[in-house]
mmCIF file of all heavy atoms, coordinates in Angstrom:
data_MODEL
# 
_entry.id   MODEL 
# 
loop_
_atom_site.group_PDB 
_atom_site.id 
_atom_site.type_symbol 
_atom_site.label_atom_id 
_atom_site.label_alt_id 
_atom_site.label_comp_id 
_atom_site.label_asym_id 
_atom_site.label_entity_id 
_atom_site.label_seq_id 
_atom_site.pdbx_PDB_ins_code 
_atom_site.Cartn_x 
_atom_site.Cartn_y 
_atom_site.Cartn_z 
_atom_site.occupancy 
_atom_site.B_iso_or_equiv 
_atom_site.pdbx_formal_charge 
_atom_site.auth_seq_id 
_atom_site.auth_comp_id 
_atom_site.auth_asym_id 
_atom_site.auth_atom_id 
_atom_site.pdbx_PDB_model_num 
ATOM 1   N N   . PHE A 1 1  ? -18.244 96.404  143.713 1.00 0.00 ? 1  PHE A N   1 
ATOM 2   C CA  . PHE A 1 1  ? -19.265 97.427  143.499 1.00 0.00 ? 1  PHE A CA  1 
ATOM 3   C C   . PHE A 1 1  ? -20.616 96.980  144.040 1.00 0.00 ? 1  PHE A C   1 
ATOM 4   O O   . PHE A 1 1  ? -21.326 97.752  144.699 1.00 0.00 ? 1  PHE A O   1 
ATOM 5   C CB  . PHE A 1 1  ? -19.355 97.730  142.001 1.00 0.00 ? 1  PHE A CB  1 
ATOM 6   C CG  . PHE A 1 1  ? -20.351 98.804  141.641 1.00 0.00 ? 1  PHE A CG  1 
ATOM 7   C CD1 . PHE A 1 1  ? -20.017 100.149 141.757 1.00 0.00 ? 1  PHE A CD1 1 
ATOM 8   C CD2 . PHE A 1 1  ? -21.614 98.481  141.174 1.00 0.00 ? 1  PHE A CD2 1 
ATOM 9   C CE1 . PHE A 1 1  ? -20.932 101.141 141.417 1.00 0.00 ? 1  PHE A CE1 1 
ATOM 10  C CE2 . PHE A 1 1  ? -22.531 99.463  140.830 1.00 0.00 ? 1  PHE A CE2 1 
ATOM 11  C CZ  . PHE A 1 1  ? -22.179 100.795 140.962 1.00 0.00 ? 1  PHE A CZ  1 
ATOM 12  N N   . LEU A 1 2  ? -20.967 95.728  143.782 1.00 0.00 ? 2  LEU A N   1 
ATOM 13  C CA  . LEU A 1 2  ? -22.274 95.221  144.201 1.00 0.00 ? 2  LEU A CA  1 
ATOM 14  C C   . LEU A 1 2  ? -22.388 95.093  145.714 1.00 0.00 ? 2  LEU A C   1 
ATOM 15  O O   . LEU A 1 2  ? -23.490 95.188  146.263 1.00 0.00 ? 2  LEU A O   1 
ATOM 16  C CB  . LEU A 1 2  ? -22.539 93.857  143.554 1.00 0.00 ? 2  LEU A CB  1 
ATOM 17  C CG  . LEU A 1 2  ? -22.976 93.892  142.091 1.00 0.00 ? 2  LEU A CG  1 
ATOM 18  C CD1 . LEU A 1 2  ? -23.017 92.484  141.521 1.00 0.00 ? 2  LEU A CD1 1 
ATOM 19  C CD2 . LEU A 1 2  ? -24.338 94.553  141.940 1.00 0.00 ? 2  LEU A CD2 1 
ATOM 20  N N   . GLN A 1 3  ? -21.280 94.881  146.389 1.00 0.00 ? 3  GLN A N   1 
ATOM 21  C CA  . GLN A 1 3  ? -21.345 94.716  147.837 1.00 0.00 ? 3  GLN A CA  1 
ATOM 22  C C   . GLN A 1 3  ? -21.819 95.997  148.527 1.00 0.00 ? 3  GLN A C   1 
ATOM 23  O O   . GLN A 1 3  ? -22.280 95.947  149.671 1.00 0.00 ? 3  GLN A O   1 
ATOM 24  C CB  . GLN A 1 3  ? -19.972 94.283  148.374 1.00 0.00 ? 3  GLN A CB  1 
ATOM 25  C CG  . GLN A 1 3  ? -19.580 92.895  147.898 1.00 0.00 ? 3  GLN A CG  1 
ATOM 26  C CD  . GLN A 1 3  ? -18.424 92.299  148.669 1.00 0.00 ? 3  GLN A CD  1 
ATOM 27  O OE1 . GLN A 1 3  ? -18.590 91.856  149.810 1.00 0.00 ? 3  GLN A OE1 1 
ATOM 28  N NE2 . GLN A 1 3  ? -17.259 92.283  148.052 1.00 0.00 ? 3  GLN A NE2 1 
ATOM 29  N N   . ASN A 1 4  ? -21.706 97.113  147.831 1.00 0.00 ? 4  ASN A N   1 
ATOM 30  C CA  . ASN A 1 4  ? -22.135 98.390  148.404 1.00 0.00 ? 4  ASN A CA  1 
ATOM 31  C C   . ASN A 1 4  ? -23.495 98.846  147.891 1.00 0.00 ? 4  ASN A C   1 
ATOM 32  O O   . ASN A 1 4  ? -23.898 99.990  148.120 1.00 0.00 ? 4  ASN A O   1 
ATOM 33  C CB  . ASN A 1 4  ? -21.086 99.467  148.099 1.00 0.00 ? 4  ASN A CB  1 
ATOM 34  C CG  . ASN A 1 4  ? -19.740 99.133  148.706 1.00 0.00 ? 4  ASN A CG  1 
ATOM 35  O OD1 . ASN A 1 4  ? -19.661 98.774  149.865 1.00 0.00 ? 4  ASN A OD1 1 
ATOM 36  N ND2 . ASN A 1 4  ? -18.680 99.234  147.901 1.00 0.00 ? 4  ASN A ND2 1 
ATOM 37  N N   . LYS A 1 5  ? -24.186 97.969  147.154 1.00 0.00 ? 5  LYS A N   1 
ATOM 38  C CA  . LYS A 1 5  ? -25.493 98.319  146.598 1.00 0.00 ? 5  LYS A CA  1 
ATOM 39  C C   . LYS A 1 5  ? -26.539 97.338  147.121 1.00 0.00 ? 5  LYS A C   1 
ATOM 40  O O   . LYS A 1 5  ? -26.368 96.120  147.023 1.00 0.00 ? 5  LYS A O   1 
ATOM 41  C CB  . LYS A 1 5  ? -25.464 98.256  145.068 1.00 0.00 ? 5  LYS A CB  1 
ATOM 42  C CG  . LYS A 1 5  ? -24.574 99.301  144.416 1.00 0.00 ? 5  LYS A CG  1 
ATOM 43  C CD  . LYS A 1 5  ? -25.164 100.696 144.550 1.00 0.00 ? 5  LYS A CD  1 
ATOM 44  C CE  . LYS A 1 5  ? -24.307 101.738 143.862 1.00 0.00 ? 5  LYS A CE  1 
ATOM 45  N NZ  . LYS A 1 5  ? -24.851 103.082 144.016 1.00 0.00 ? 5  LYS A NZ  1 
ATOM 46  N N   . LYS A 1 6  ? -27.609 97.861  147.645 1.00 0.00 ? 6  LYS A N   1 
ATOM 47  C CA  . LYS A 1 6  ? -28.683 97.002  148.142 1.00 0.00 ? 6  LYS A CA  1 
ATOM 48  C C   . LYS A 1 6  ? -30.031 97.561  147.664 1.00 0.00 ? 6  LYS A C   1 
ATOM 49  O O   . LYS A 1 6  ? -30.278 98.770  147.779 1.00 0.00 ? 6  LYS A O   1 
ATOM 50  C CB  . LYS A 1 6  ? -28.677 96.930  149.675 1.00 0.00 ? 6  LYS A CB  1 
ATOM 51  C CG  . LYS A 1 6  ? -27.446 96.244  150.258 1.00 0.00 ? 6  LYS A CG  1 
ATOM 52  C CD  . LYS A 1 6  ? -27.513 94.745  150.081 1.00 0.00 ? 6  LYS A CD  1 
ATOM 53  C CE  . LYS A 1 6  ? -26.321 94.033  150.709 1.00 0.00 ? 6  LYS A CE  1 
ATOM 54  N NZ  . LYS A 1 6  ? -25.092 94.107  149.906 1.00 0.00 ? 6  LYS A NZ  1 
ATOM 55  N N   . ASN A 1 7  ? -30.861 96.675  147.094 1.00 0.00 ? 7  ASN A N   1 
ATOM 56  C CA  . ASN A 1 7  ? -32.242 97.040  146.770 1.00 0.00 ? 7  ASN A CA  1 
ATOM 57  C C   . ASN A 1 7  ? -32.311 98.318  145.926 1.00 0.00 ? 7  ASN A C   1 
ATOM 58  O O   . ASN A 1 7  ? -33.079 99.231  146.221 1.00 0.00 ? 7  ASN A O   1 
ATOM 59  C CB  . ASN A 1 7  ? -33.044 97.220  148.073 1.00 0.00 ? 7  ASN A CB  1 
ATOM 60  C CG  . ASN A 1 7  ? -34.539 97.298  147.833 1.00 0.00 ? 7  ASN A CG  1 
ATOM 61  O OD1 . ASN A 1 7  ? -35.064 96.615  146.971 1.00 0.00 ? 7  ASN A OD1 1 
ATOM 62  N ND2 . ASN A 1 7  ? -35.209 98.157  148.592 1.00 0.00 ? 7  ASN A ND2 1 
ATOM 63  N N   . TYR A 1 8  ? -31.513 98.376  144.862 1.00 0.00 ? 8  TYR A N   1 
ATOM 64  C CA  . TYR A 1 8  ? -31.431 99.622  144.104 1.00 0.00 ? 8  TYR A CA  1 
ATOM 65  C C   . TYR A 1 8  ? -31.799 99.474  142.626 1.00 0.00 ? 8  TYR A C   1 
ATOM 66  O O   . TYR A 1 8  ? -32.551 100.279 142.087 1.00 0.00 ? 8  TYR A O   1 
ATOM 67  C CB  . TYR A 1 8  ? -30.018 100.199 144.215 1.00 0.00 ? 8  TYR A CB  1 
ATOM 68  C CG  . TYR A 1 8  ? -29.895 101.578 143.605 1.00 0.00 ? 8  TYR A CG  1 
ATOM 69  C CD1 . TYR A 1 8  ? -30.290 102.707 144.321 1.00 0.00 ? 8  TYR A CD1 1 
ATOM 70  C CD2 . TYR A 1 8  ? -29.394 101.755 142.312 1.00 0.00 ? 8  TYR A CD2 1 
ATOM 71  C CE1 . TYR A 1 8  ? -30.202 103.971 143.757 1.00 0.00 ? 8  TYR A CE1 1 
ATOM 72  C CE2 . TYR A 1 8  ? -29.299 103.020 141.747 1.00 0.00 ? 8  TYR A CE2 1 
ATOM 73  C CZ  . TYR A 1 8  ? -29.697 104.129 142.472 1.00 0.00 ? 8  TYR A CZ  1 
ATOM 74  O OH  . TYR A 1 8  ? -29.614 105.373 141.915 1.00 0.00 ? 8  TYR A OH  1 
ATOM 75  N N   . PHE A 1 9  ? -31.291 98.443  141.962 1.00 0.00 ? 9  PHE A N   1 
ATOM 76  C CA  . PHE A 1 9  ? -31.459 98.337  140.504 1.00 0.00 ? 9  PHE A CA  1 
ATOM 77  C C   . PHE A 1 9  ? -32.677 97.492  140.132 1.00 0.00 ? 9  PHE A C   1 
ATOM 78  O O   . PHE A 1 9  ? -33.086 96.591  140.865 1.00 0.00 ? 9  PHE A O   1 
ATOM 79  C CB  . PHE A 1 9  ? -30.208 97.728  139.868 1.00 0.00 ? 9  PHE A CB  1 
ATOM 80  C CG  . PHE A 1 9  ? -28.995 98.612  139.980 1.00 0.00 ? 9  PHE A CG  1 
ATOM 81  C CD1 . PHE A 1 9  ? -28.002 98.344  140.911 1.00 0.00 ? 9  PHE A CD1 1 
ATOM 82  C CD2 . PHE A 1 9  ? -28.855 99.729  139.168 1.00 0.00 ? 9  PHE A CD2 1 
ATOM 83  C CE1 . PHE A 1 9  ? -26.889 99.168  141.031 1.00 0.00 ? 9  PHE A CE1 1 
ATOM 84  C CE2 . PHE A 1 9  ? -27.748 100.561 139.278 1.00 0.00 ? 9  PHE A CE2 1 
ATOM 85  C CZ  . PHE A 1 9  ? -26.767 100.276 140.211 1.00 0.00 ? 9  PHE A CZ  1 
ATOM 86  N N   . ASP A 1 10 ? -33.237 97.797  138.963 1.00 0.00 ? 10 ASP A N   1 
ATOM 87  C CA  . ASP A 1 10 ? -34.334 96.990  138.419 1.00 0.00 ? 10 ASP A CA  1 
ATOM 88  C C   . ASP A 1 10 ? -33.820 95.849  137.559 1.00 0.00 ? 10 ASP A C   1 
ATOM 89  O O   . ASP A 1 10 ? -34.419 94.768  137.542 1.00 0.00 ? 10 ASP A O   1 
ATOM 90  C CB  . ASP A 1 10 ? -35.265 97.877  137.584 1.00 0.00 ? 10 ASP A CB  1 
ATOM 91  C CG  . ASP A 1 10 ? -35.927 98.947  138.423 1.00 0.00 ? 10 ASP A CG  1 
ATOM 92  O OD1 . ASP A 1 10 ? -36.585 98.593  139.416 1.00 0.00 ? 10 ASP A OD1 1 
ATOM 93  O OD2 . ASP A 1 10 ? -35.776 100.140 138.098 1.00 0.00 ? 10 ASP A OD2 1 
ATOM 94  N N   . VAL A 1 11 ? -32.741 96.088  136.833 1.00 0.00 ? 11 VAL A N   1 
ATOM 95  C CA  . VAL A 1 11 ? -32.131 95.064  135.982 1.00 0.00 ? 11 VAL A CA  1 
ATOM 96  C C   . VAL A 1 11 ? -30.617 95.163  136.119 1.00 0.00 ? 11 VAL A C   1 
ATOM 97  O O   . VAL A 1 11 ? -30.059 96.274  136.121 1.00 0.00 ? 11 VAL A O   1 
ATOM 98  C CB  . VAL A 1 11 ? -32.534 95.231  134.497 1.00 0.00 ? 11 VAL A CB  1 
ATOM 99  C CG1 . VAL A 1 11 ? -31.840 94.174  133.627 1.00 0.00 ? 11 VAL A CG1 1 
ATOM 100 C CG2 . VAL A 1 11 ? -34.045 95.139  134.329 1.00 0.00 ? 11 VAL A CG2 1 
ATOM 101 N N   . ILE A 1 12 ? -29.959 94.011  136.231 1.00 0.00 ? 12 ILE A N   1 
ATOM 102 C CA  . ILE A 1 12 ? -28.494 93.948  136.220 1.00 0.00 ? 12 ILE A CA  1 
ATOM 103 C C   . ILE A 1 12 ? -28.075 93.033  135.075 1.00 0.00 ? 12 ILE A C   1 
ATOM 104 O O   . ILE A 1 12 ? -28.516 91.879  134.996 1.00 0.00 ? 12 ILE A O   1 
ATOM 105 C CB  . ILE A 1 12 ? -27.928 93.426  137.551 1.00 0.00 ? 12 ILE A CB  1 
ATOM 106 C CG1 . ILE A 1 12 ? -28.301 94.364  138.701 1.00 0.00 ? 12 ILE A CG1 1 
ATOM 107 C CG2 . ILE A 1 12 ? -26.403 93.269  137.459 1.00 0.00 ? 12 ILE A CG2 1 
ATOM 108 C CD1 . ILE A 1 12 ? -27.898 93.842  140.082 1.00 0.00 ? 12 ILE A CD1 1 
ATOM 109 N N   . ILE A 1 13 ? -27.225 93.551  134.197 1.00 0.00 ? 13 ILE A N   1 
ATOM 110 C CA  . ILE A 1 13 ? -26.710 92.776  133.072 1.00 0.00 ? 13 ILE A CA  1 
ATOM 111 C C   . ILE A 1 13 ? -25.213 92.583  133.261 1.00 0.00 ? 13 ILE A C   1 
ATOM 112 O O   . ILE A 1 13 ? -24.472 93.567  133.405 1.00 0.00 ? 13 ILE A O   1 
ATOM 113 C CB  . ILE A 1 13 ? -26.996 93.493  131.732 1.00 0.00 ? 13 ILE A CB  1 
ATOM 114 C CG1 . ILE A 1 13 ? -28.508 93.644  131.533 1.00 0.00 ? 13 ILE A CG1 1 
ATOM 115 C CG2 . ILE A 1 13 ? -26.360 92.724  130.569 1.00 0.00 ? 13 ILE A CG2 1 
ATOM 116 C CD1 . ILE A 1 13 ? -28.894 94.478  130.331 1.00 0.00 ? 13 ILE A CD1 1 
ATOM 117 N N   . THR A 1 14 ? -24.789 91.336  133.284 1.00 0.00 ? 14 THR A N   1 
ATOM 118 C CA  . THR A 1 14 ? -23.367 91.038  133.415 1.00 0.00 ? 14 THR A CA  1 
ATOM 119 C C   . THR A 1 14 ? -22.821 90.621  132.063 1.00 0.00 ? 14 THR A C   1 
ATOM 120 O O   . THR A 1 14 ? -23.035 89.493  131.608 1.00 0.00 ? 14 THR A O   1 
ATOM 121 C CB  . THR A 1 14 ? -23.119 89.934  134.461 1.00 0.00 ? 14 THR A CB  1 
ATOM 122 O OG1 . THR A 1 14 ? -23.667 90.343  135.714 1.00 0.00 ? 14 THR A OG1 1 
ATOM 123 C CG2 . THR A 1 14 ? -21.629 89.686  134.632 1.00 0.00 ? 14 THR A CG2 1 
ATOM 124 N N   . ASP A 1 15 ? -22.155 91.566  131.416 1.00 0.00 ? 15 ASP A N   1 
ATOM 125 C CA  . ASP A 1 15 ? -21.549 91.345  130.103 1.00 0.00 ? 15 ASP A CA  1 
ATOM 126 C C   . ASP A 1 15 ? -20.078 91.032  130.327 1.00 0.00 ? 15 ASP A C   1 
ATOM 127 O O   . ASP A 1 15 ? -19.206 91.877  130.135 1.00 0.00 ? 15 ASP A O   1 
ATOM 128 C CB  . ASP A 1 15 ? -21.737 92.591  129.232 1.00 0.00 ? 15 ASP A CB  1 
ATOM 129 C CG  . ASP A 1 15 ? -21.047 92.478  127.887 1.00 0.00 ? 15 ASP A CG  1 
ATOM 130 O OD1 . ASP A 1 15 ? -20.670 91.352  127.508 1.00 0.00 ? 15 ASP A OD1 1 
ATOM 131 O OD2 . ASP A 1 15 ? -20.869 93.514  127.225 1.00 0.00 ? 15 ASP A OD2 1 
ATOM 132 N N   . SER A 1 16 ? -19.813 89.817  130.760 1.00 0.00 ? 16 SER A N   1 
ATOM 133 C CA  . SER A 1 16 ? -18.459 89.457  131.166 1.00 0.00 ? 16 SER A CA  1 
ATOM 134 C C   . SER A 1 16 ? -17.773 88.605  130.105 1.00 0.00 ? 16 SER A C   1 
ATOM 135 O O   . SER A 1 16 ? -18.421 87.994  129.248 1.00 0.00 ? 16 SER A O   1 
ATOM 136 C CB  . SER A 1 16 ? -18.497 88.678  132.486 1.00 0.00 ? 16 SER A CB  1 
ATOM 137 O OG  . SER A 1 16 ? -19.134 87.436  132.286 1.00 0.00 ? 16 SER A OG  1 
ATOM 138 N N   . SER A 1 17 ? -16.456 88.555  130.205 1.00 0.00 ? 17 SER A N   1 
ATOM 139 C CA  . SER A 1 17 ? -15.697 87.592  129.420 1.00 0.00 ? 17 SER A CA  1 
ATOM 140 C C   . SER A 1 17 ? -15.836 86.226  130.092 1.00 0.00 ? 17 SER A C   1 
ATOM 141 O O   . SER A 1 17 ? -16.610 86.048  131.032 1.00 0.00 ? 17 SER A O   1 
ATOM 142 C CB  . SER A 1 17 ? -14.234 88.033  129.310 1.00 0.00 ? 17 SER A CB  1 
ATOM 143 O OG  . SER A 1 17 ? -13.708 88.357  130.580 1.00 0.00 ? 17 SER A OG  1 
ATOM 144 N N   . ASP A 1 18 ? -15.087 85.248  129.606 1.00 0.00 ? 18 ASP A N   1 
ATOM 145 C CA  . ASP A 1 18 ? -15.221 83.878  130.114 1.00 0.00 ? 18 ASP A CA  1 
ATOM 146 C C   . ASP A 1 18 ? -14.663 83.760  131.534 1.00 0.00 ? 18 ASP A C   1 
ATOM 147 O O   . ASP A 1 18 ? -13.876 84.609  131.979 1.00 0.00 ? 18 ASP A O   1 
ATOM 148 C CB  . ASP A 1 18 ? -14.502 82.912  129.169 1.00 0.00 ? 18 ASP A CB  1 
ATOM 149 C CG  . ASP A 1 18 ? -15.095 82.957  127.766 1.00 0.00 ? 18 ASP A CG  1 
ATOM 150 O OD1 . ASP A 1 18 ? -16.303 82.729  127.642 1.00 0.00 ? 18 ASP A OD1 1 
ATOM 151 O OD2 . ASP A 1 18 ? -14.353 83.243  126.806 1.00 0.00 ? 18 ASP A OD2 1 
ATOM 152 N N   . PRO A 1 19 ? -15.046 82.702  132.268 1.00 0.00 ? 19 PRO A N   1 
ATOM 153 C CA  . PRO A 1 19 ? -14.678 82.589  133.688 1.00 0.00 ? 19 PRO A CA  1 
ATOM 154 C C   . PRO A 1 19 ? -13.224 82.182  133.923 1.00 0.00 ? 19 PRO A C   1 
ATOM 155 O O   . PRO A 1 19 ? -12.918 81.227  134.624 1.00 0.00 ? 19 PRO A O   1 
ATOM 156 C CB  . PRO A 1 19 ? -15.654 81.540  134.219 1.00 0.00 ? 19 PRO A CB  1 
ATOM 157 C CG  . PRO A 1 19 ? -15.994 80.706  133.046 1.00 0.00 ? 19 PRO A CG  1 
ATOM 158 C CD  . PRO A 1 19 ? -15.996 81.645  131.873 1.00 0.00 ? 19 PRO A CD  1 
ATOM 159 N N   . VAL A 1 20 ? -12.324 82.914  133.283 1.00 0.00 ? 20 VAL A N   1 
ATOM 160 C CA  . VAL A 1 20 ? -10.890 82.808  133.554 1.00 0.00 ? 20 VAL A CA  1 
ATOM 161 C C   . VAL A 1 20 ? -10.368 84.237  133.637 1.00 0.00 ? 20 VAL A C   1 
ATOM 162 O O   . VAL A 1 20 ? -10.885 85.136  132.982 1.00 0.00 ? 20 VAL A O   1 
ATOM 163 C CB  . VAL A 1 20 ? -10.137 82.021  132.449 1.00 0.00 ? 20 VAL A CB  1 
ATOM 164 C CG1 . VAL A 1 20 ? -10.500 80.555  132.492 1.00 0.00 ? 20 VAL A CG1 1 
ATOM 165 C CG2 . VAL A 1 20 ? -10.430 82.592  131.065 1.00 0.00 ? 20 VAL A CG2 1 
ATOM 166 N N   . GLY A 1 21 ? -9.376  84.469  134.464 1.00 0.00 ? 21 GLY A N   1 
ATOM 167 C CA  . GLY A 1 21 ? -8.829  85.820  134.574 1.00 0.00 ? 21 GLY A CA  1 
ATOM 168 C C   . GLY A 1 21 ? -9.750  86.757  135.325 1.00 0.00 ? 21 GLY A C   1 
ATOM 169 O O   . GLY A 1 21 ? -10.382 86.369  136.316 1.00 0.00 ? 21 GLY A O   1 
ATOM 170 N N   . PRO A 1 22 ? -9.876  88.017  134.849 1.00 0.00 ? 22 PRO A N   1 
ATOM 171 C CA  . PRO A 1 22 ? -10.607 89.042  135.615 1.00 0.00 ? 22 PRO A CA  1 
ATOM 172 C C   . PRO A 1 22 ? -12.060 88.699  135.889 1.00 0.00 ? 22 PRO A C   1 
ATOM 173 O O   . PRO A 1 22 ? -12.642 89.201  136.849 1.00 0.00 ? 22 PRO A O   1 
ATOM 174 C CB  . PRO A 1 22 ? -10.507 90.284  134.720 1.00 0.00 ? 22 PRO A CB  1 
ATOM 175 C CG  . PRO A 1 22 ? -9.349  90.050  133.827 1.00 0.00 ? 22 PRO A CG  1 
ATOM 176 C CD  . PRO A 1 22 ? -9.265  88.568  133.629 1.00 0.00 ? 22 PRO A CD  1 
ATOM 177 N N   . ALA A 1 23 ? -12.700 87.867  135.049 1.00 0.00 ? 23 ALA A N   1 
ATOM 178 C CA  . ALA A 1 23 ? -14.139 87.603  135.188 1.00 0.00 ? 23 ALA A CA  1 
ATOM 179 C C   . ALA A 1 23 ? -14.457 86.345  135.995 1.00 0.00 ? 23 ALA A C   1 
ATOM 180 O O   . ALA A 1 23 ? -15.625 85.992  136.146 1.00 0.00 ? 23 ALA A O   1 
ATOM 181 C CB  . ALA A 1 23 ? -14.774 87.488  133.798 1.00 0.00 ? 23 ALA A CB  1 
ATOM 182 N N   . GLU A 1 24 ? -13.448 85.697  136.525 1.00 0.00 ? 24 GLU A N   1 
ATOM 183 C CA  . GLU A 1 24 ? -13.680 84.395  137.181 1.00 0.00 ? 24 GLU A CA  1 
ATOM 184 C C   . GLU A 1 24 ? -14.707 84.473  138.304 1.00 0.00 ? 24 GLU A C   1 
ATOM 185 O O   . GLU A 1 24 ? -15.581 83.611  138.436 1.00 0.00 ? 24 GLU A O   1 
ATOM 186 C CB  . GLU A 1 24 ? -12.352 83.845  137.710 1.00 0.00 ? 24 GLU A CB  1 
ATOM 187 C CG  . GLU A 1 24 ? -12.465 82.440  138.275 1.00 0.00 ? 24 GLU A CG  1 
ATOM 188 C CD  . GLU A 1 24 ? -11.110 81.862  138.679 1.00 0.00 ? 24 GLU A CD  1 
ATOM 189 O OE1 . GLU A 1 24 ? -10.100 82.560  138.555 1.00 0.00 ? 24 GLU A OE1 1 
ATOM 190 O OE2 . GLU A 1 24 ? -11.089 80.694  139.111 1.00 0.00 ? 24 GLU A OE2 1 
ATOM 191 N N   . SER A 1 25 ? -14.648 85.531  139.102 1.00 0.00 ? 25 SER A N   1 
ATOM 192 C CA  . SER A 1 25 ? -15.545 85.636  140.264 1.00 0.00 ? 25 SER A CA  1 
ATOM 193 C C   . SER A 1 25 ? -16.999 85.830  139.861 1.00 0.00 ? 25 SER A C   1 
ATOM 194 O O   . SER A 1 25 ? -17.912 85.628  140.670 1.00 0.00 ? 25 SER A O   1 
ATOM 195 C CB  . SER A 1 25 ? -15.105 86.787  141.171 1.00 0.00 ? 25 SER A CB  1 
ATOM 196 O OG  . SER A 1 25 ? -15.300 88.037  140.531 1.00 0.00 ? 25 SER A OG  1 
ATOM 197 N N   . LEU A 1 26 ? -17.246 86.201  138.587 1.00 0.00 ? 26 LEU A N   1 
ATOM 198 C CA  . LEU A 1 26 ? -18.609 86.517  138.156 1.00 0.00 ? 26 LEU A CA  1 
ATOM 199 C C   . LEU A 1 26 ? -19.424 85.269  137.804 1.00 0.00 ? 26 LEU A C   1 
ATOM 200 O O   . LEU A 1 26 ? -20.575 85.381  137.395 1.00 0.00 ? 26 LEU A O   1 
ATOM 201 C CB  . LEU A 1 26 ? -18.573 87.472  136.960 1.00 0.00 ? 26 LEU A CB  1 
ATOM 202 C CG  . LEU A 1 26 ? -17.755 88.758  137.154 1.00 0.00 ? 26 LEU A CG  1 
ATOM 203 C CD1 . LEU A 1 26 ? -17.909 89.673  135.954 1.00 0.00 ? 26 LEU A CD1 1 
ATOM 204 C CD2 . LEU A 1 26 ? -18.148 89.490  138.436 1.00 0.00 ? 26 LEU A CD2 1 
ATOM 205 N N   . TYR A 1 27 ? -18.822 84.095  137.960 1.00 0.00 ? 27 TYR A N   1 
ATOM 206 C CA  . TYR A 1 27 ? -19.530 82.842  137.674 1.00 0.00 ? 27 TYR A CA  1 
ATOM 207 C C   . TYR A 1 27 ? -19.723 82.019  138.947 1.00 0.00 ? 27 TYR A C   1 
ATOM 208 O O   . TYR A 1 27 ? -19.912 80.819  138.894 1.00 0.00 ? 27 TYR A O   1 
ATOM 209 C CB  . TYR A 1 27 ? -18.765 82.025  136.629 1.00 0.00 ? 27 TYR A CB  1 
ATOM 210 C CG  . TYR A 1 27 ? -18.834 82.625  135.241 1.00 0.00 ? 27 TYR A CG  1 
ATOM 211 C CD1 . TYR A 1 27 ? -18.044 83.710  134.891 1.00 0.00 ? 27 TYR A CD1 1 
ATOM 212 C CD2 . TYR A 1 27 ? -19.712 82.125  134.282 1.00 0.00 ? 27 TYR A CD2 1 
ATOM 213 C CE1 . TYR A 1 27 ? -18.111 84.275  133.629 1.00 0.00 ? 27 TYR A CE1 1 
ATOM 214 C CE2 . TYR A 1 27 ? -19.785 82.681  133.018 1.00 0.00 ? 27 TYR A CE2 1 
ATOM 215 C CZ  . TYR A 1 27 ? -18.980 83.758  132.699 1.00 0.00 ? 27 TYR A CZ  1 
ATOM 216 O OH  . TYR A 1 27 ? -19.058 84.315  131.450 1.00 0.00 ? 27 TYR A OH  1 
ATOM 217 N N   . GLN A 1 28 ? -19.714 82.684  140.089 1.00 0.00 ? 28 GLN A N   1 
ATOM 218 C CA  . GLN A 1 28 ? -19.838 81.997  141.363 1.00 0.00 ? 28 GLN A CA  1 
ATOM 219 C C   . GLN A 1 28 ? -21.165 82.353  142.042 1.00 0.00 ? 28 GLN A C   1 
ATOM 220 O O   . GLN A 1 28 ? -21.738 83.412  141.797 1.00 0.00 ? 28 GLN A O   1 
ATOM 221 C CB  . GLN A 1 28 ? -18.655 82.366  142.271 1.00 0.00 ? 28 GLN A CB  1 
ATOM 222 C CG  . GLN A 1 28 ? -17.309 81.964  141.692 1.00 0.00 ? 28 GLN A CG  1 
ATOM 223 C CD  . GLN A 1 28 ? -16.138 82.545  142.463 1.00 0.00 ? 28 GLN A CD  1 
ATOM 224 O OE1 . GLN A 1 28 ? -16.309 83.204  143.491 1.00 0.00 ? 28 GLN A OE1 1 
ATOM 225 N NE2 . GLN A 1 28 ? -14.936 82.319  141.966 1.00 0.00 ? 28 GLN A NE2 1 
# 
């Protein structure tokens, strides 16, 4: 989703689970 968004949001909150499984990429 983020790869298609540029210079748009004022705040981004990542409410993810731990960096295993589906959320692993969100800690890179």
